[in-house]
Amino acid sequence: MPKQDQLFYSSENGDDWLLVDGDSKDAVVRHRPNVSSGGQSRDVALGDFLSREQTTPQGQALRRVLDAQK
Protein backbone atom coordinates (compact mmCIF):
# COMPACT_ATOMS: atom_id res chain seq x y z
CA MET A 1 0.00 0.00 0.00
CA PRO A 2 1.46 3.40 -0.98
CA LYS A 3 2.33 5.81 1.79
CA GLN A 4 0.26 8.99 2.00
CA ASP A 5 1.72 12.25 0.78
CA GLN A 6 3.71 13.73 3.65
CA LEU A 7 3.62 17.46 4.32
CA PHE A 8 7.13 18.38 5.44
CA TYR A 9 7.15 22.18 5.26
CA SER A 10 4.70 25.10 5.20
CA SER A 11 5.98 28.61 4.64
CA GLU A 12 4.67 31.75 6.30
CA ASN A 13 3.10 32.85 3.00
CA GLY A 14 1.01 29.68 2.75
CA ASP A 15 3.09 27.54 0.37
CA ASP A 16 3.27 23.82 1.19
CA TRP A 17 5.84 21.18 0.24
CA LEU A 18 4.95 17.49 0.32
CA LEU A 19 6.92 14.31 -0.16
CA VAL A 20 4.89 12.18 -2.58
CA ASP A 21 5.38 8.42 -2.81
CA GLY A 22 8.30 8.79 -0.42
CA ASP A 23 8.93 5.07 -0.10
CA SER A 24 9.48 4.50 -3.82
CA LYS A 25 12.29 5.20 -6.27
CA ASP A 26 9.86 7.52 -8.09
CA ALA A 27 9.41 9.85 -5.11
CA VAL A 28 8.78 13.50 -5.92
CA VAL A 29 8.40 16.73 -4.03
CA ARG A 30 5.14 18.56 -4.68
CA HIS A 31 5.11 22.32 -4.20
CA ARG A 32 1.65 23.76 -3.61
CA PRO A 33 1.85 27.55 -3.83
CA ASN A 34 -0.65 29.70 -1.98
CA VAL A 35 -3.85 30.72 -3.72
CA SER A 36 -2.70 34.29 -4.38
CA SER A 37 0.27 32.90 -6.32
CA GLY A 38 -2.05 30.93 -8.56
CA GLY A 39 -2.12 27.75 -6.50
CA GLN A 40 -0.82 25.56 -9.35
CA SER A 41 1.04 22.56 -7.90
CA ARG A 42 4.33 21.44 -9.40
CA ASP A 43 6.20 18.17 -8.92
CA VAL A 44 9.99 17.92 -8.87
CA ALA A 45 12.02 14.71 -8.74
CA LEU A 46 13.34 14.10 -5.23
CA GLY A 47 17.01 14.17 -6.28
CA ASP A 48 16.58 17.38 -8.25
CA PHE A 49 14.84 19.06 -5.33
CA LEU A 50 17.54 18.01 -2.86
CA SER A 51 20.34 19.29 -5.09
CA ARG A 52 18.62 22.64 -5.80
CA GLU A 53 17.20 23.35 -2.37
CA GLN A 54 20.13 22.42 -0.10
CA THR A 55 20.15 25.64 1.91
CA THR A 56 16.48 26.64 1.81
CA PRO A 57 14.18 26.04 4.79
CA GLN A 58 12.12 23.56 2.77
CA GLY A 59 15.24 21.68 1.66
CA GLN A 60 16.52 21.44 5.22
CA ALA A 61 13.11 20.28 6.45
CA LEU A 62 13.03 17.51 3.85
CA ARG A 63 16.53 16.36 4.84
CA ARG A 64 15.38 16.08 8.47
CA VAL A 65 12.39 13.95 7.39
CA LEU A 66 14.52 11.69 5.23
CA ASP A 67 17.16 11.31 7.97
CA ALA A 68 14.45 10.34 10.47
CA GLN A 69 13.23 7.59 8.12
CA LYS A 70 16.62 5.84 8.09
PDB file of N, CA and C in Angstrom:
ATOM      1  N   MET A   1       0.842  -1.186   0.000  1.00  0.00           N
ATOM      2  CA  MET A   1       0.000   0.000   0.000  1.00  0.00           C
ATOM      3  C   MET A   1       0.885   1.247   0.000  1.00  0.00           C
ATOM      4  N   PRO A   2       0.641   2.199  -0.922  1.00  0.00           N
ATOM      5  CA  PRO A   2       1.461   3.399  -0.977  1.00  0.00           C
ATOM      6  C   PRO A   2       1.277   4.267   0.270  1.00  0.00           C
ATOM      7  N   LYS A   3       2.350   4.891   0.656  1.00  0.00           N
ATOM      8  CA  LYS A   3       2.329   5.806   1.786  1.00  0.00           C
ATOM      9  C   LYS A   3       1.615   7.088   1.368  1.00  0.00           C
ATOM     10  N   GLN A   4       0.928   7.733   2.303  1.00  0.00           N
ATOM     11  CA  GLN A   4       0.260   8.993   2.002  1.00  0.00           C
ATOM     12  C   GLN A   4       1.291  10.080   1.728  1.00  0.00           C
ATOM     13  N   ASP A   5       0.870  11.086   0.981  1.00  0.00           N
ATOM     14  CA  ASP A   5       1.724  12.252   0.784  1.00  0.00           C
ATOM     15  C   ASP A   5       2.031  12.845   2.151  1.00  0.00           C
ATOM     16  N   GLN A   6       3.281  13.250   2.350  1.00  0.00           N
ATOM     17  CA  GLN A   6       3.714  13.735   3.649  1.00  0.00           C
ATOM     18  C   GLN A   6       4.089  15.208   3.565  1.00  0.00           C
ATOM     19  N   LEU A   7       3.299  16.039   4.230  1.00  0.00           N
ATOM     20  CA  LEU A   7       3.618  17.460   4.323  1.00  0.00           C
ATOM     21  C   LEU A   7       4.862  17.601   5.185  1.00  0.00           C
ATOM     22  N   PHE A   8       5.908  18.225   4.647  1.00  0.00           N
ATOM     23  CA  PHE A   8       7.128  18.380   5.442  1.00  0.00           C
ATOM     24  C   PHE A   8       7.495  19.829   5.691  1.00  0.00           C
ATOM     25  N   TYR A   9       6.847  20.774   4.990  1.00  0.00           N
ATOM     26  CA  TYR A   9       7.146  22.183   5.255  1.00  0.00           C
ATOM     27  C   TYR A   9       6.004  23.060   4.765  1.00  0.00           C
ATOM     28  N   SER A  10       5.655  24.055   5.577  1.00  0.00           N
ATOM     29  CA  SER A  10       4.701  25.099   5.200  1.00  0.00           C
ATOM     30  C   SER A  10       5.363  26.444   5.460  1.00  0.00           C
ATOM     31  N   SER A  11       5.354  27.294   4.471  1.00  0.00           N
ATOM     32  CA  SER A  11       5.980  28.608   4.636  1.00  0.00           C
ATOM     33  C   SER A  11       4.987  29.591   5.242  1.00  0.00           C
ATOM     34  N   GLU A  12       5.516  30.709   5.701  1.00  0.00           N
ATOM     35  CA  GLU A  12       4.668  31.753   6.296  1.00  0.00           C
ATOM     36  C   GLU A  12       3.672  32.330   5.297  1.00  0.00           C
ATOM     37  N   ASN A  13       4.011  32.272   4.002  1.00  0.00           N
ATOM     38  CA  ASN A  13       3.103  32.847   2.999  1.00  0.00           C
ATOM     39  C   ASN A  13       2.052  31.854   2.507  1.00  0.00           C
ATOM     40  N   GLY A  14       2.052  30.642   3.078  1.00  0.00           N
ATOM     41  CA  GLY A  14       1.011  29.677   2.745  1.00  0.00           C
ATOM     42  C   GLY A  14       1.389  28.619   1.737  1.00  0.00           C
ATOM     43  N   ASP A  15       2.634  28.607   1.276  1.00  0.00           N
ATOM     44  CA  ASP A  15       3.088  27.542   0.372  1.00  0.00           C
ATOM     45  C   ASP A  15       3.317  26.266   1.180  1.00  0.00           C
ATOM     46  N   ASP A  16       3.035  25.122   0.564  1.00  0.00           N
ATOM     47  CA  ASP A  16       3.269  23.818   1.187  1.00  0.00           C
ATOM     48  C   ASP A  16       4.179  22.988   0.307  1.00  0.00           C
ATOM     49  N   TRP A  17       4.991  22.145   0.938  1.00  0.00           N
ATOM     50  CA  TRP A  17       5.836  21.178   0.244  1.00  0.00           C
ATOM     51  C   TRP A  17       5.529  19.807   0.810  1.00  0.00           C
ATOM     52  N   LEU A  18       5.309  18.844  -0.088  1.00  0.00           N
ATOM     53  CA  LEU A  18       4.953  17.487   0.316  1.00  0.00           C
ATOM     54  C   LEU A  18       5.887  16.487  -0.346  1.00  0.00           C
ATOM     55  N   LEU A  19       6.194  15.439   0.388  1.00  0.00           N
ATOM     56  CA  LEU A  19       6.919  14.307  -0.161  1.00  0.00           C
ATOM     57  C   LEU A  19       5.868  13.329  -0.662  1.00  0.00           C
ATOM     58  N   VAL A  20       5.901  13.028  -1.946  1.00  0.00           N
ATOM     59  CA  VAL A  20       4.889  12.181  -2.579  1.00  0.00           C
ATOM     60  C   VAL A  20       5.522  10.847  -2.947  1.00  0.00           C
ATOM     61  N   ASP A  21       4.895   9.767  -2.513  1.00  0.00           N
ATOM     62  CA  ASP A  21       5.383   8.424  -2.810  1.00  0.00           C
ATOM     63  C   ASP A  21       6.797   8.237  -2.260  1.00  0.00           C
ATOM     64  N   GLY A  22       6.991   8.727  -1.027  1.00  0.00           N
ATOM     65  CA  GLY A  22       8.302   8.790  -0.416  1.00  0.00           C
ATOM     66  C   GLY A  22       9.009   7.474  -0.226  1.00  0.00           C
ATOM     67  N   ASP A  23       8.287   6.364  -0.287  1.00  0.00           N
ATOM     68  CA  ASP A  23       8.932   5.070  -0.096  1.00  0.00           C
ATOM     69  C   ASP A  23       9.233   4.368  -1.418  1.00  0.00           C
ATOM     70  N   SER A  24       9.189   5.118  -2.515  1.00  0.00           N
ATOM     71  CA  SER A  24       9.484   4.499  -3.818  1.00  0.00           C
ATOM     72  C   SER A  24      10.636   5.221  -4.501  1.00  0.00           C
ATOM     73  N   LYS A  25      11.202   4.572  -5.501  1.00  0.00           N
ATOM     74  CA  LYS A  25      12.285   5.196  -6.267  1.00  0.00           C
ATOM     75  C   LYS A  25      11.769   6.342  -7.132  1.00  0.00           C
ATOM     76  N   ASP A  26      10.465   6.450  -7.285  1.00  0.00           N
ATOM     77  CA  ASP A  26       9.861   7.516  -8.091  1.00  0.00           C
ATOM     78  C   ASP A  26       9.357   8.672  -7.242  1.00  0.00           C
ATOM     79  N   ALA A  27       9.875   8.802  -6.017  1.00  0.00           N
ATOM     80  CA  ALA A  27       9.413   9.850  -5.107  1.00  0.00           C
ATOM     81  C   ALA A  27       9.626  11.233  -5.730  1.00  0.00           C
ATOM     82  N   VAL A  28       8.689  12.117  -5.459  1.00  0.00           N
ATOM     83  CA  VAL A  28       8.785  13.501  -5.920  1.00  0.00           C
ATOM     84  C   VAL A  28       8.424  14.427  -4.774  1.00  0.00           C
ATOM     85  N   VAL A  29       8.815  15.674  -4.941  1.00  0.00           N
ATOM     86  CA  VAL A  29       8.404  16.732  -4.025  1.00  0.00           C
ATOM     87  C   VAL A  29       7.353  17.557  -4.752  1.00  0.00           C
ATOM     88  N   ARG A  30       6.222  17.748  -4.100  1.00  0.00           N
ATOM     89  CA  ARG A  30       5.136  18.561  -4.680  1.00  0.00           C
ATOM     90  C   ARG A  30       5.104  19.903  -3.959  1.00  0.00           C
ATOM     91  N   HIS A  31       5.230  20.970  -4.739  1.00  0.00           N
ATOM     92  CA  HIS A  31       5.110  22.323  -4.204  1.00  0.00           C
ATOM     93  C   HIS A  31       3.709  22.819  -4.515  1.00  0.00           C
ATOM     94  N   ARG A  32       2.991  23.181  -3.448  1.00  0.00           N
ATOM     95  CA  ARG A  32       1.649  23.759  -3.610  1.00  0.00           C
ATOM     96  C   ARG A  32       1.716  25.219  -3.200  1.00  0.00           C
ATOM     97  N   PRO A  33       1.797  26.128  -4.170  1.00  0.00           N
ATOM     98  CA  PRO A  33       1.846  27.545  -3.828  1.00  0.00           C
ATOM     99  C   PRO A  33       0.521  28.030  -3.264  1.00  0.00           C
ATOM    100  N   ASN A  34       0.584  29.141  -2.553  1.00  0.00           N
ATOM    101  CA  ASN A  34      -0.645  29.697  -1.983  1.00  0.00           C
ATOM    102  C   ASN A  34      -1.576  30.162  -3.100  1.00  0.00           C
ATOM    103  N   VAL A  35      -2.806  30.369  -2.737  1.00  0.00           N
ATOM    104  CA  VAL A  35      -3.845  30.721  -3.716  1.00  0.00           C
ATOM    105  C   VAL A  35      -3.521  32.020  -4.437  1.00  0.00           C
ATOM    106  N   SER A  36      -2.995  33.008  -3.727  1.00  0.00           N
ATOM    107  CA  SER A  36      -2.702  34.292  -4.376  1.00  0.00           C
ATOM    108  C   SER A  36      -1.577  34.189  -5.404  1.00  0.00           C
ATOM    109  N   SER A  37      -0.784  33.134  -5.328  1.00  0.00           N
ATOM    110  CA  SER A  37       0.274  32.895  -6.324  1.00  0.00           C
ATOM    111  C   SER A  37      -0.228  32.068  -7.497  1.00  0.00           C
ATOM    112  N   GLY A  38      -1.467  31.719  -7.482  1.00  0.00           N
ATOM    113  CA  GLY A  38      -2.046  30.929  -8.557  1.00  0.00           C
ATOM    114  C   GLY A  38      -2.411  29.526  -8.120  1.00  0.00           C
ATOM    115  N   GLY A  39      -1.765  29.030  -7.069  1.00  0.00           N
ATOM    116  CA  GLY A  39      -2.119  27.747  -6.495  1.00  0.00           C
ATOM    117  C   GLY A  39      -1.865  26.539  -7.374  1.00  0.00           C
ATOM    118  N   GLN A  40      -1.090  26.682  -8.449  1.00  0.00           N
ATOM    119  CA  GLN A  40      -0.825  25.560  -9.354  1.00  0.00           C
ATOM    120  C   GLN A  40       0.318  24.707  -8.815  1.00  0.00           C
ATOM    121  N   SER A  41       0.023  23.466  -8.442  1.00  0.00           N
ATOM    122  CA  SER A  41       1.038  22.565  -7.903  1.00  0.00           C
ATOM    123  C   SER A  41       2.044  22.167  -8.971  1.00  0.00           C
ATOM    124  N   ARG A  42       3.265  21.865  -8.500  1.00  0.00           N
ATOM    125  CA  ARG A  42       4.335  21.444  -9.402  1.00  0.00           C
ATOM    126  C   ARG A  42       5.121  20.341  -8.716  1.00  0.00           C
ATOM    127  N   ASP A  43       5.410  19.279  -9.450  1.00  0.00           N
ATOM    128  CA  ASP A  43       6.198  18.169  -8.922  1.00  0.00           C
ATOM    129  C   ASP A  43       7.625  18.256  -9.439  1.00  0.00           C
ATOM    130  N   VAL A  44       8.569  17.929  -8.542  1.00  0.00           N
ATOM    131  CA  VAL A  44       9.994  17.918  -8.875  1.00  0.00           C
ATOM    132  C   VAL A  44      10.560  16.597  -8.372  1.00  0.00           C
ATOM    133  N   ALA A  45      11.387  15.960  -9.168  1.00  0.00           N
ATOM    134  CA  ALA A  45      12.022  14.709  -8.741  1.00  0.00           C
ATOM    135  C   ALA A  45      12.777  14.958  -7.438  1.00  0.00           C
ATOM    136  N   LEU A  46      12.739  13.976  -6.552  1.00  0.00           N
ATOM    137  CA  LEU A  46      13.344  14.105  -5.234  1.00  0.00           C
ATOM    138  C   LEU A  46      14.816  14.514  -5.327  1.00  0.00           C
ATOM    139  N   GLY A  47      15.587  13.848  -6.143  1.00  0.00           N
ATOM    140  CA  GLY A  47      17.006  14.166  -6.277  1.00  0.00           C
ATOM    141  C   GLY A  47      17.250  15.582  -6.772  1.00  0.00           C
ATOM    142  N   ASP A  48      16.444  16.023  -7.731  1.00  0.00           N
ATOM    143  CA  ASP A  48      16.576  17.385  -8.250  1.00  0.00           C
ATOM    144  C   ASP A  48      16.264  18.408  -7.163  1.00  0.00           C
ATOM    145  N   PHE A  49      15.215  18.150  -6.401  1.00  0.00           N
ATOM    146  CA  PHE A  49      14.841  19.063  -5.325  1.00  0.00           C
ATOM    147  C   PHE A  49      15.961  19.163  -4.300  1.00  0.00           C
ATOM    148  N   LEU A  50      16.489  18.016  -3.886  1.00  0.00           N
ATOM    149  CA  LEU A  50      17.536  18.014  -2.863  1.00  0.00           C
ATOM    150  C   LEU A  50      18.791  18.738  -3.333  1.00  0.00           C
ATOM    151  N   SER A  51      19.140  18.615  -4.601  1.00  0.00           N
ATOM    152  CA  SER A  51      20.342  19.292  -5.087  1.00  0.00           C
ATOM    153  C   SER A  51      20.117  20.793  -5.247  1.00  0.00           C
ATOM    154  N   ARG A  52      18.921  21.205  -5.604  1.00  0.00           N
ATOM    155  CA  ARG A  52      18.625  22.635  -5.802  1.00  0.00           C
ATOM    156  C   ARG A  52      18.321  23.375  -4.515  1.00  0.00           C
ATOM    157  N   GLU A  53      17.736  22.686  -3.556  1.00  0.00           N
ATOM    158  CA  GLU A  53      17.197  23.351  -2.365  1.00  0.00           C
ATOM    159  C   GLU A  53      18.003  23.031  -1.103  1.00  0.00           C
ATOM    160  N   GLN A  54      19.298  22.834  -1.236  1.00  0.00           N
ATOM    161  CA  GLN A  54      20.126  22.417  -0.101  1.00  0.00           C
ATOM    162  C   GLN A  54      20.073  23.378   1.080  1.00  0.00           C
ATOM    163  N   THR A  55      20.052  24.673   0.826  1.00  0.00           N
ATOM    164  CA  THR A  55      20.149  25.644   1.914  1.00  0.00           C
ATOM    165  C   THR A  55      18.838  26.347   2.245  1.00  0.00           C
ATOM    166  N   THR A  56      17.771  25.998   1.540  1.00  0.00           N
ATOM    167  CA  THR A  56      16.481  26.639   1.813  1.00  0.00           C
ATOM    168  C   THR A  56      15.804  25.966   3.006  1.00  0.00           C
ATOM    169  N   PRO A  57      14.900  26.663   3.659  1.00  0.00           N
ATOM    170  CA  PRO A  57      14.182  26.044   4.788  1.00  0.00           C
ATOM    171  C   PRO A  57      13.455  24.762   4.388  1.00  0.00           C
ATOM    172  N   GLN A  58      12.843  24.752   3.199  1.00  0.00           N
ATOM    173  CA  GLN A  58      12.122  23.556   2.769  1.00  0.00           C
ATOM    174  C   GLN A  58      13.085  22.412   2.459  1.00  0.00           C
ATOM    175  N   GLY A  59      14.242  22.712   1.919  1.00  0.00           N
ATOM    176  CA  GLY A  59      15.244  21.685   1.663  1.00  0.00           C
ATOM    177  C   GLY A  59      15.782  21.084   2.947  1.00  0.00           C
ATOM    178  N   GLN A  60      16.037  21.925   3.928  1.00  0.00           N
ATOM    179  CA  GLN A  60      16.523  21.442   5.219  1.00  0.00           C
ATOM    180  C   GLN A  60      15.463  20.619   5.941  1.00  0.00           C
ATOM    181  N   ALA A  61      14.196  21.035   5.823  1.00  0.00           N
ATOM    182  CA  ALA A  61      13.105  20.276   6.453  1.00  0.00           C
ATOM    183  C   ALA A  61      12.982  18.888   5.830  1.00  0.00           C
ATOM    184  N   LEU A  62      13.117  18.807   4.516  1.00  0.00           N
ATOM    185  CA  LEU A  62      13.034  17.507   3.855  1.00  0.00           C
ATOM    186  C   LEU A  62      14.194  16.613   4.276  1.00  0.00           C
ATOM    187  N   ARG A  63      15.377  17.165   4.382  1.00  0.00           N
ATOM    188  CA  ARG A  63      16.534  16.357   4.840  1.00  0.00           C
ATOM    189  C   ARG A  63      16.284  15.782   6.226  1.00  0.00           C
ATOM    190  N   ARG A  64      15.692  16.580   7.118  1.00  0.00           N
ATOM    191  CA  ARG A  64      15.377  16.078   8.466  1.00  0.00           C
ATOM    192  C   ARG A  64      14.388  14.916   8.403  1.00  0.00           C
ATOM    193  N   VAL A  65      13.384  15.025   7.540  1.00  0.00           N
ATOM    194  CA  VAL A  65      12.392  13.954   7.390  1.00  0.00           C
ATOM    195  C   VAL A  65      13.057  12.696   6.849  1.00  0.00           C
ATOM    196  N   LEU A  66      13.874  12.850   5.828  1.00  0.00           N
ATOM    197  CA  LEU A  66      14.522  11.688   5.229  1.00  0.00           C
ATOM    198  C   LEU A  66      15.509  11.044   6.211  1.00  0.00           C
ATOM    199  N   ASP A  67      16.225  11.843   6.973  1.00  0.00           N
ATOM    200  CA  ASP A  67      17.156  11.310   7.972  1.00  0.00           C
ATOM    201  C   ASP A  67      16.413  10.534   9.055  1.00  0.00           C
ATOM    202  N   ALA A  68      15.233  11.010   9.429  1.00  0.00           N
ATOM    203  CA  ALA A  68      14.445  10.344  10.474  1.00  0.00           C
ATOM    204  C   ALA A  68      13.891   9.007   9.993  1.00  0.00           C
ATOM    205  N   GLN A  69      13.756   8.836   8.677  1.00  0.00           N
ATOM    206  CA  GLN A  69      13.226   7.585   8.118  1.00  0.00           C
ATOM    207  C   GLN A  69      14.280   6.502   8.028  1.00  0.00           C
ATOM    208  N   LYS A  70      15.534   6.833   8.217  1.00  0.00           N
ATOM    209  CA  LYS A  70      16.623   5.845   8.093  1.00  0.00           C
ATOM    210  C   LYS A  70      16.627   4.879   9.248  1.00  0.00           C
TER     211      LYS A  70
END
